[in-house]
Protein backbone atom coordinates (compact mmCIF):
# COMPACT_ATOMS: atom_id res chain seq x y z
CA UNK A 1 -142.08 30.97 206.33
CA UNK A 2 -142.19 34.45 205.04
CA UNK A 3 -140.96 33.16 201.48
CA UNK A 4 -143.48 30.55 201.77
CA UNK A 5 -146.38 32.61 202.89
CA UNK A 6 -145.59 35.15 199.97
CA UNK A 7 -145.58 32.29 197.43
CA UNK A 8 -148.80 30.95 198.25
CA UNK A 9 -150.49 34.32 197.51
CA UNK A 10 -148.96 34.21 194.36
CA UNK A 11 -150.47 33.17 190.57
CA UNK A 12 -147.33 33.88 188.22
CA UNK A 13 -145.81 30.01 189.62
CA UNK A 14 -148.95 28.58 187.62
CA UNK A 15 -149.02 30.99 184.79
CA UNK A 16 -145.27 30.39 184.15
CA UNK A 17 -145.12 26.50 184.56
CA UNK A 18 -148.64 25.98 182.72
CA UNK A 19 -147.74 27.91 179.85
CA UNK A 20 -144.18 26.09 179.32
CA UNK A 21 -146.29 23.36 179.36
CA UNK A 22 -148.53 24.55 176.89
CA UNK A 23 -146.04 25.55 174.72
CA UNK A 24 -144.48 21.88 174.71
CA UNK A 25 -147.83 20.58 174.02
CA UNK A 26 -148.15 23.02 171.29
CA UNK A 27 -145.13 21.73 169.10
CA UNK A 28 -146.16 18.14 169.91
CA UNK A 29 -149.78 18.66 168.76
CA UNK A 30 -148.41 20.57 165.25
CA UNK A 31 -145.96 17.83 164.59
CA UNK A 32 -147.97 14.94 165.36
CA UNK A 33 -151.18 16.39 163.01
CA UNK A 34 -148.41 17.05 160.12
CA UNK A 35 -147.13 13.66 160.50
CA UNK A 36 -150.67 11.75 160.81
CA UNK A 37 -151.95 13.96 157.72
CA UNK A 38 -149.00 13.06 155.55
CA UNK A 39 -149.87 9.66 156.05
CA UNK A 40 -153.47 9.58 155.85
CA UNK A 41 -153.17 12.07 152.52
CA UNK A 42 -150.46 9.76 151.03
CA UNK A 43 -152.39 6.92 151.52
CA UNK A 44 -155.56 8.07 149.96
CA UNK A 45 -154.14 9.52 146.83
CA UNK A 46 -151.74 7.86 143.92
CA UNK A 47 -150.19 11.22 143.49
CA UNK A 48 -150.76 13.25 146.68
CA UNK A 49 -149.60 17.01 146.42
CA UNK A 50 -148.56 19.33 148.78
CA UNK A 51 -152.04 21.29 148.64
CA UNK A 52 -154.07 17.88 149.74
CA UNK A 53 -152.34 17.62 153.11
CA UNK A 54 -152.64 21.54 153.49
CA UNK A 55 -155.93 20.88 153.27
CA UNK A 56 -156.16 17.97 155.38
CA UNK A 57 -154.10 19.75 158.22
CA UNK A 58 -156.52 23.20 157.91
CA UNK A 59 -159.38 20.65 158.27
CA UNK A 60 -158.08 19.17 161.05
CA UNK A 61 -157.66 22.58 162.94
CA UNK A 62 -160.44 24.12 161.41
CA UNK A 63 -162.42 21.27 163.63
CA UNK A 64 -160.33 21.36 166.50
CA UNK A 65 -160.47 25.39 167.38
CA UNK A 66 -164.00 25.48 166.95
CA UNK A 67 -164.48 22.91 169.69
CA UNK A 68 -162.54 24.51 171.66
CA UNK A 69 -164.09 27.60 171.48
CA UNK A 70 -167.59 26.64 170.92
CA UNK A 71 -167.40 23.99 174.08
CA UNK A 72 -166.54 26.02 176.95
CA UNK A 73 -169.12 28.83 176.45
CA UNK A 74 -171.61 27.77 179.38
CA UNK A 75 -169.04 26.39 181.98
CA UNK A 76 -166.92 29.31 181.82
CA UNK A 77 -170.37 31.25 182.17
CA UNK A 78 -170.85 29.38 185.50
CA UNK A 79 -167.31 29.39 186.58
CA UNK A 80 -167.42 33.29 186.18
CA UNK A 81 -170.26 33.16 188.65
CA UNK A 82 -169.02 31.36 191.37
CA UNK A 83 -165.79 33.31 191.00
CA UNK A 84 -167.74 36.21 191.55
CA UNK A 85 -169.15 34.90 194.32
CA UNK A 86 -165.91 34.96 196.30
CA UNK A 87 -164.39 31.66 194.98
CA UNK A 88 -161.66 33.30 192.82
CA UNK A 89 -159.45 29.69 192.79
CA UNK A 90 -162.37 27.65 191.23
CA UNK A 91 -162.43 29.42 187.74
CA UNK A 92 -158.53 28.52 187.47
CA UNK A 93 -158.64 24.94 189.07
CA UNK A 94 -161.38 23.37 186.66
CA UNK A 95 -160.04 24.58 183.10
CA UNK A 96 -156.39 22.93 184.54
CA UNK A 97 -157.81 19.95 185.09
CA UNK A 98 -159.17 19.91 181.39
CA UNK A 99 -155.71 21.00 180.15
CA UNK A 100 -154.76 17.72 182.05
CA UNK A 101 -156.80 15.41 180.47
CA UNK A 102 -156.73 16.73 176.74
CA UNK A 103 -152.92 16.49 177.34
CA UNK A 104 -152.76 13.19 178.48
CA UNK A 105 -155.17 12.37 175.30
CA UNK A 106 -152.11 13.47 173.12
CA UNK A 107 -149.65 11.12 175.15
CA UNK A 108 -151.71 8.51 174.23
CA UNK A 109 -152.28 9.29 170.78
CA UNK A 110 -148.71 8.90 170.50
CA UNK A 111 -148.10 5.98 172.72
CA UNK A 112 -150.79 4.02 171.17
CA UNK A 113 -150.84 4.85 167.98
CA UNK A 114 -154.60 6.14 168.45
CA UNK A 115 -156.41 8.00 165.49
CA UNK A 116 -155.54 11.80 165.60
CA UNK A 117 -159.53 12.60 165.84
CA UNK A 118 -159.24 11.46 169.57
CA UNK A 119 -157.58 15.17 170.01
CA UNK A 120 -161.46 15.91 169.40
CA UNK A 121 -162.42 14.17 172.40
CA UNK A 122 -159.31 15.76 174.58
CA UNK A 123 -160.59 19.27 173.42
CA UNK A 124 -164.19 18.76 174.24
CA UNK A 125 -163.18 17.66 177.96
CA UNK A 126 -160.98 20.75 178.05
CA UNK A 127 -164.17 22.88 176.69
CA UNK A 128 -166.37 21.59 179.64
CA UNK A 129 -163.91 22.65 182.07
CA UNK A 130 -163.86 26.13 181.24
CA UNK A 131 -161.13 26.23 178.62
CA UNK A 132 -158.57 29.08 178.43
CA UNK A 133 -161.08 31.70 178.46
CA UNK A 134 -162.32 30.73 181.87
CA UNK A 135 -159.04 30.14 183.08
CA UNK A 136 -157.21 33.45 181.44
CA UNK A 137 -160.29 35.17 183.01
CA UNK A 138 -159.80 34.11 186.37
CA UNK A 139 -156.26 35.27 186.42
CA UNK A 140 -157.08 38.24 185.19
CA UNK A 141 -159.86 38.62 187.90
CA UNK A 142 -157.25 38.33 190.67
CA UNK A 143 -154.85 40.67 188.82
CA UNK A 144 -157.39 43.14 188.76
CA UNK A 145 -158.52 42.52 192.56
CA UNK A 146 -155.25 43.19 193.48
CA UNK A 147 -154.17 46.45 191.81
CA UNK A 148 -155.07 49.85 191.92
CA UNK A 149 -157.01 51.78 188.66
CA UNK A 150 -153.17 53.38 187.75
CA UNK A 151 -151.16 50.62 187.63
CA UNK A 152 -153.92 47.93 186.44
CA UNK A 153 -152.96 47.96 182.77
CA UNK A 154 -148.92 47.41 183.90
CA UNK A 155 -149.62 44.79 186.14
CA UNK A 156 -151.87 42.77 183.80
CA UNK A 157 -148.77 43.24 181.06
CA UNK A 158 -146.52 42.18 183.92
CA UNK A 159 -148.38 38.72 184.23
CA UNK A 160 -148.51 38.45 180.40
CA UNK A 161 -144.90 38.72 180.66
CA UNK A 162 -144.59 35.97 182.45
CA UNK A 163 -146.99 34.01 180.03
CA UNK A 164 -144.61 34.85 177.22
CA UNK A 165 -141.35 34.06 179.05
CA UNK A 166 -142.65 30.85 179.80
CA UNK A 167 -143.68 29.91 176.44
CA UNK A 168 -140.52 31.51 174.74
CA UNK A 169 -138.47 29.02 176.94
CA UNK A 170 -140.99 26.29 176.53
CA UNK A 171 -140.65 26.78 172.58
CA UNK A 172 -137.51 26.98 172.31
CA UNK A 173 -136.80 23.58 174.21
CA UNK A 174 -140.04 22.23 172.49
CA UNK A 175 -138.38 20.96 169.04
CA UNK A 176 -135.37 19.44 170.59
CA UNK A 177 -137.32 17.69 172.92
CA UNK A 178 -139.53 16.27 170.43
CA UNK A 179 -137.05 14.52 168.86
CA UNK A 180 -135.58 12.46 171.65
CA UNK A 181 -136.67 8.95 172.18
CA UNK A 182 -137.23 7.41 175.71
CA UNK A 183 -136.22 3.82 175.61
CA UNK A 184 -138.36 2.15 172.85
CA UNK A 185 -141.01 5.07 173.03
CA UNK A 186 -142.14 7.09 170.24
CA UNK A 187 -140.92 10.52 168.79
CA UNK A 188 -142.47 13.23 170.96
CA UNK A 189 -143.49 10.75 174.36
CA UNK A 190 -141.05 12.75 176.36
CA UNK A 191 -141.94 16.23 175.23
CA UNK A 192 -145.86 15.67 175.79
CA UNK A 193 -144.86 13.43 178.97
CA UNK A 194 -143.31 16.85 180.52
CA UNK A 195 -146.53 18.42 180.00
CA UNK A 196 -148.41 16.48 181.80
CA UNK A 197 -146.20 16.31 184.90
CA UNK A 198 -146.18 20.05 184.69
CA UNK A 199 -149.81 20.61 184.42
CA UNK A 200 -150.26 18.12 187.12
CA UNK A 201 -147.48 20.09 189.14
CA UNK A 202 -149.73 23.08 188.33
CA UNK A 203 -152.96 21.46 189.53
CA UNK A 204 -151.70 20.17 192.87
CA UNK A 205 -149.70 23.68 193.78
CA UNK A 206 -153.32 25.70 192.85
CA UNK A 207 -155.31 23.57 194.77
CA UNK A 208 -153.30 22.98 197.65
CA UNK A 209 -151.15 25.42 198.51
CA UNK A 210 -152.23 28.90 195.90
CA UNK A 211 -154.32 31.10 198.76
CA UNK A 212 -156.66 33.66 197.29
CA UNK A 213 -157.11 36.06 200.24
CA UNK A 214 -161.20 37.16 200.42
CA UNK A 215 -161.68 40.59 199.56
CA UNK A 216 -164.71 42.23 200.42
CA UNK A 217 -167.19 43.35 198.26
CA UNK A 218 -168.51 46.04 199.83
CA UNK A 219 -164.88 47.58 200.61
CA UNK A 220 -163.96 46.68 196.78
CA UNK A 221 -166.84 48.61 196.08
CA UNK A 222 -166.24 51.79 197.50
CA UNK A 223 -162.91 52.15 195.98
CA UNK A 224 -164.56 52.03 192.58
CA UNK A 225 -166.47 55.07 191.60
CA UNK A 226 -167.30 54.38 188.08
CA UNK A 227 -169.48 51.17 188.46
CA UNK A 228 -172.46 49.63 186.80
CA UNK A 229 -174.38 51.43 189.47
CA UNK A 230 -173.13 54.39 189.19
CA UNK A 231 -173.78 57.86 188.19
CA UNK A 232 -172.13 57.95 184.97
CA UNK A 233 -173.89 54.55 184.09
CA UNK A 234 -174.72 55.12 180.34
CA UNK A 235 -171.09 56.49 179.92
CA UNK A 236 -169.47 53.46 180.92
CA UNK A 237 -171.89 51.27 178.97
CA UNK A 238 -170.73 52.78 175.78
CA UNK A 239 -167.68 52.97 176.30
CA UNK A 240 -167.78 48.79 177.15
CA UNK A 241 -169.43 48.15 173.86
CA UNK A 242 -166.64 50.26 172.10
CA UNK A 243 -163.76 48.49 174.14
CA UNK A 244 -165.76 44.98 173.36
CA UNK A 245 -166.15 45.84 169.30
CA UNK A 246 -162.27 46.63 169.15
CA UNK A 247 -161.49 43.78 171.37
CA UNK A 248 -163.34 41.33 168.92
CA UNK A 249 -161.98 42.65 166.20
CA UNK A 250 -158.54 42.49 167.02
CA UNK A 251 -159.43 38.86 168.37
CA UNK A 252 -160.51 38.21 164.78
CA UNK A 253 -157.49 39.68 163.11
CA UNK A 254 -154.83 37.95 165.13
CA UNK A 255 -156.85 34.37 166.37
CA UNK A 256 -157.51 33.90 161.99
CA UNK A 257 -153.96 34.64 161.16
CA UNK A 258 -152.60 32.75 163.72
CA UNK A 259 -154.71 29.61 163.23
CA UNK A 260 -153.82 29.75 159.75
CA UNK A 261 -149.81 30.28 160.32
CA UNK A 262 -149.35 27.04 162.05
CA UNK A 263 -150.29 25.31 158.67
CA UNK A 264 -148.44 27.94 156.66
CA UNK A 265 -145.36 27.08 158.13
CA UNK A 266 -145.29 23.41 157.07
CA UNK A 267 -146.02 24.75 153.58
CA UNK A 268 -143.45 24.73 151.05
CA UNK A 269 -140.87 26.98 151.15
CA UNK A 270 -140.78 27.25 154.66
CA UNK A 271 -141.77 23.33 155.46
CA UNK A 272 -140.54 23.55 158.93
CA UNK A 273 -138.73 20.74 160.86
CA UNK A 274 -139.62 19.89 164.88
CA UNK A 275 -136.87 22.11 165.78
CA UNK A 276 -137.82 25.00 163.28
CA UNK A 277 -141.52 25.24 164.84
CA UNK A 278 -140.26 25.52 168.40
CA UNK A 279 -138.11 28.31 166.93
CA UNK A 280 -141.39 29.64 165.36
CA UNK A 281 -143.14 29.90 168.47
CA UNK A 282 -140.74 31.44 170.52
CA UNK A 283 -140.28 34.19 168.28
CA UNK A 284 -144.00 34.71 169.03
CA UNK A 285 -143.15 34.83 172.58
CA UNK A 286 -140.62 37.34 172.18
CA UNK A 287 -143.05 39.77 171.56
CA UNK A 288 -144.69 39.02 175.36
CA UNK A 289 -141.08 40.68 176.13
CA UNK A 290 -140.94 43.70 173.67
CA UNK A 291 -144.86 44.40 174.44
CA UNK A 292 -143.96 44.72 178.27
CA UNK A 293 -140.90 47.11 177.83
CA UNK A 294 -143.03 48.76 175.33
CA UNK A 295 -146.12 49.40 178.08
CA UNK A 296 -143.19 50.26 180.74
CA UNK A 297 -141.56 52.74 178.46
CA UNK A 298 -144.34 54.10 177.22
CA UNK A 299 -146.57 54.27 179.51
CA UNK A 300 -145.17 57.53 181.07
CA UNK A 301 -146.15 59.72 178.03
CA UNK A 302 -149.25 58.05 176.24
CA UNK A 303 -152.65 56.95 177.68
CA UNK A 304 -153.64 53.42 177.33
CA UNK A 305 -155.84 54.21 174.15
CA UNK A 306 -152.74 55.63 172.57
CA UNK A 307 -151.15 52.17 173.66
CA UNK A 308 -153.46 50.06 172.00
CA UNK A 309 -153.13 52.26 168.75
CA UNK A 310 -149.57 51.21 168.54
CA UNK A 311 -150.20 47.73 169.32
CA UNK A 312 -152.56 47.19 166.49
CA UNK A 313 -150.49 49.44 164.17
CA UNK A 314 -147.71 46.93 165.00
CA UNK A 315 -149.55 43.92 164.12
CA UNK A 316 -151.25 45.21 160.94
CA UNK A 317 -147.48 45.81 159.64
CA UNK A 318 -145.76 42.43 161.20
CA UNK A 319 -149.10 40.06 159.74
CA UNK A 320 -149.23 41.99 156.17
CA UNK A 321 -145.35 41.66 155.80
CA UNK A 322 -145.96 37.90 156.76
CA UNK A 323 -148.43 37.44 153.80
CA UNK A 324 -145.24 37.75 151.39
CA UNK A 325 -142.87 35.79 153.29
CA UNK A 326 -140.91 33.00 151.09
CA UNK A 327 -138.08 32.09 153.46
CA UNK A 328 -137.39 31.40 157.26
CA UNK A 329 -135.58 34.92 158.09
CA UNK A 330 -138.42 36.41 156.14
CA UNK A 331 -140.38 35.11 159.05
CA UNK A 332 -138.65 36.35 161.77
CA UNK A 333 -138.36 39.93 159.73
CA UNK A 334 -142.07 39.78 160.25
CA UNK A 335 -142.32 38.74 163.76
CA UNK A 336 -139.98 41.77 164.23
CA UNK A 337 -142.45 43.76 162.86
CA UNK A 338 -144.79 42.86 165.43
CA UNK A 339 -142.93 43.58 168.87
CA UNK A 340 -145.73 45.55 170.51
CA UNK A 341 -148.94 43.46 169.10
CA UNK A 342 -149.59 41.94 172.30
CA UNK A 343 -150.22 45.76 173.96
CA UNK A 344 -153.54 45.97 172.97
CA UNK A 345 -155.62 42.69 174.39
CA UNK A 346 -154.25 43.39 178.37
CA UNK A 347 -154.93 47.20 178.25
CA UNK A 348 -158.42 46.54 176.99
CA UNK A 349 -159.02 44.50 179.86
CA UNK A 350 -157.85 47.08 182.41
CA UNK A 351 -160.00 49.72 180.69
CA UNK A 352 -162.71 47.64 180.61
CA UNK A 353 -162.22 47.04 184.66
CA UNK A 354 -162.57 50.62 185.49
CA UNK A 355 -165.76 50.62 183.81
CA UNK A 356 -167.09 48.27 186.43
CA UNK A 357 -167.08 47.47 190.33
CA UNK A 358 -165.43 45.21 192.15
CA UNK A 359 -168.09 42.40 192.09
CA UNK A 360 -168.09 42.55 188.21
CA UNK A 361 -164.69 41.72 187.21
CA UNK A 362 -165.19 38.03 186.65
CA UNK A 363 -168.46 38.47 184.73
CA UNK A 364 -167.14 41.45 182.56
CA UNK A 365 -163.60 39.51 181.75
CA UNK A 366 -165.36 36.42 181.12
CA UNK A 367 -168.04 37.90 178.80
CA UNK A 368 -164.95 39.38 177.02
CA UNK A 369 -163.43 36.08 176.89
CA UNK A 370 -166.51 34.32 175.54
CA UNK A 371 -167.36 37.01 172.89
CA UNK A 372 -163.95 35.99 171.52
CA UNK A 373 -164.75 32.43 171.17
CA UNK A 374 -168.21 33.28 169.47
CA UNK A 375 -166.56 35.37 166.98
CA UNK A 376 -164.07 32.96 166.30
CA UNK A 377 -167.02 29.90 165.09
CA UNK A 378 -167.47 32.30 162.24
CA UNK A 379 -163.77 33.56 161.56
CA UNK A 380 -162.20 29.96 161.98
CA UNK A 381 -164.25 28.19 159.03
CA UNK A 382 -163.74 31.54 157.06
CA UNK A 383 -160.24 32.00 157.56
CA UNK A 384 -159.81 28.16 156.42
CA UNK A 385 -161.95 28.42 154.01
CA UNK A 386 -160.19 31.62 152.59
CA UNK A 387 -156.74 30.24 152.76
CA UNK A 388 -157.76 26.98 150.81
CA UNK A 389 -158.91 28.93 148.16
CA UNK A 390 -156.14 31.00 147.82
CA UNK A 391 -153.53 28.03 148.18
CA UNK A 392 -152.70 28.20 144.35
CA UNK A 393 -152.41 31.89 143.37
CA UNK A 394 -151.57 33.36 147.17
CA UNK A 395 -151.22 31.82 149.95
CA UNK A 396 -150.57 34.67 152.30
CA UNK A 397 -153.82 36.53 151.51
CA UNK A 398 -155.43 35.71 155.31
CA UNK A 399 -152.60 37.65 156.38
CA UNK A 400 -153.46 40.48 154.38
CA UNK A 401 -157.09 40.19 155.17
CA UNK A 402 -155.80 40.38 159.11
CA UNK A 403 -154.02 43.41 158.80
CA UNK A 404 -157.19 45.03 157.40
CA UNK A 405 -159.56 43.81 160.29
CA UNK A 406 -156.66 45.27 162.50
CA UNK A 407 -156.81 48.87 161.08
CA UNK A 408 -160.76 48.53 161.68
CA UNK A 409 -160.38 47.39 165.20
CA UNK A 410 -158.66 50.89 165.84
CA UNK A 411 -161.83 53.08 165.21
CA UNK A 412 -163.74 51.81 168.39
CA UNK A 413 -160.99 52.55 170.76
CA UNK A 414 -159.81 56.00 168.85
CA UNK A 415 -163.23 56.97 169.94
CA UNK A 416 -163.21 56.23 173.35
CA UNK A 417 -160.20 58.00 173.58
CA UNK A 418 -162.07 60.86 172.04
CA UNK A 419 -164.89 60.64 174.36
CA UNK A 420 -162.42 60.45 177.19
CA UNK A 421 -160.06 63.57 176.01
CA UNK A 422 -163.81 65.74 176.01
CA UNK A 423 -164.92 64.65 179.33
CA UNK A 424 -161.37 65.64 180.63
CA UNK A 425 -161.99 69.15 179.30
CA UNK A 426 -164.58 69.85 181.34
CA UNK A 427 -164.71 70.78 184.94
CA UNK A 428 -167.61 69.55 186.94
CA UNK A 429 -168.57 72.43 188.83
CA UNK A 430 -170.83 70.95 192.61
CA UNK A 431 -173.59 73.16 193.24
CA UNK A 432 -174.39 74.47 197.05
């Protein structure tokens, strides 16, 4: 009974199995898009080239990614407000419904040989249910409410670790599962079918088993000394603006670079198979483990701001090296340089949560996620067009661009660190 009671109050099982399912889906989608775009290009051009296939794939992902980021904006805001009213499960349950439906669509694309454009309908449904931004902000709001200010960055990084380990093992298995056949079903059916089953299990667990203890807002707010309504309102607002600016710039750099990377991996000289795609995705999830260990060790000696800067510099170095990758071993060397790249985002979320009271966690974190979505409406087509324009002379130019933007992202968060240092240097004198 004690074990069951403890399990009911843990969000980790949802994060674990949902991310395994997501890793299966990502590899399945990547391979299906590669095959369909190659077939479509070969049928439309008498002498198809690698560049024409790359442009077809990047155009698909541009539309797909923009839909996934634009559609959830309004639903995510509504779900965040519902969550802040005390219904903390809603911003997690509803997006899981969208995940399940969109994965079913990919399964139908494979089994029934539907046009790959059917995935646009799946991603719209996913977005109308709040998408990843609602799901992840809901998870982080729960973590914020259940942790102290001092340990919040570590607790958020712990959830990121669960997310990363799940993605690691899911990605390692995904390439092999994609190539397995079930009776007369097509390649990829087993992989995507398992993804659908895992999302369904997560939805059942979250709806019927997972229990969120109600937190009294008045009690929670009394624990907060730096809320929006507190006496240091102007200082907090400026810190929030600076943290948002740093987070958005870093998201542009990471998001833009990673969106192009899935297409870059399919290009010569890499031209990966399904197994190699799975291993490559797994390498990205190893960063969750190394970032967690980095926080666990370095947080004893350095501040949250310093941790963020270390993580950003790590990503800037790795993505710059990625621009010159011409062989698979070089890809893994570039990934190795990004070993702390996952530290900045959870730490920025933790710093933001310290600037507001408990009743505003949901709307603050969802605002950060939505700012990423709005920014992506600019950087997704921009990165895609830049990549297509530089395919002939420097395909890795977009990764160099990401490195530059990452360096710029360190400036606002450095200002937050300087401001915190000045404030810590003065002692408040209380009058009679």
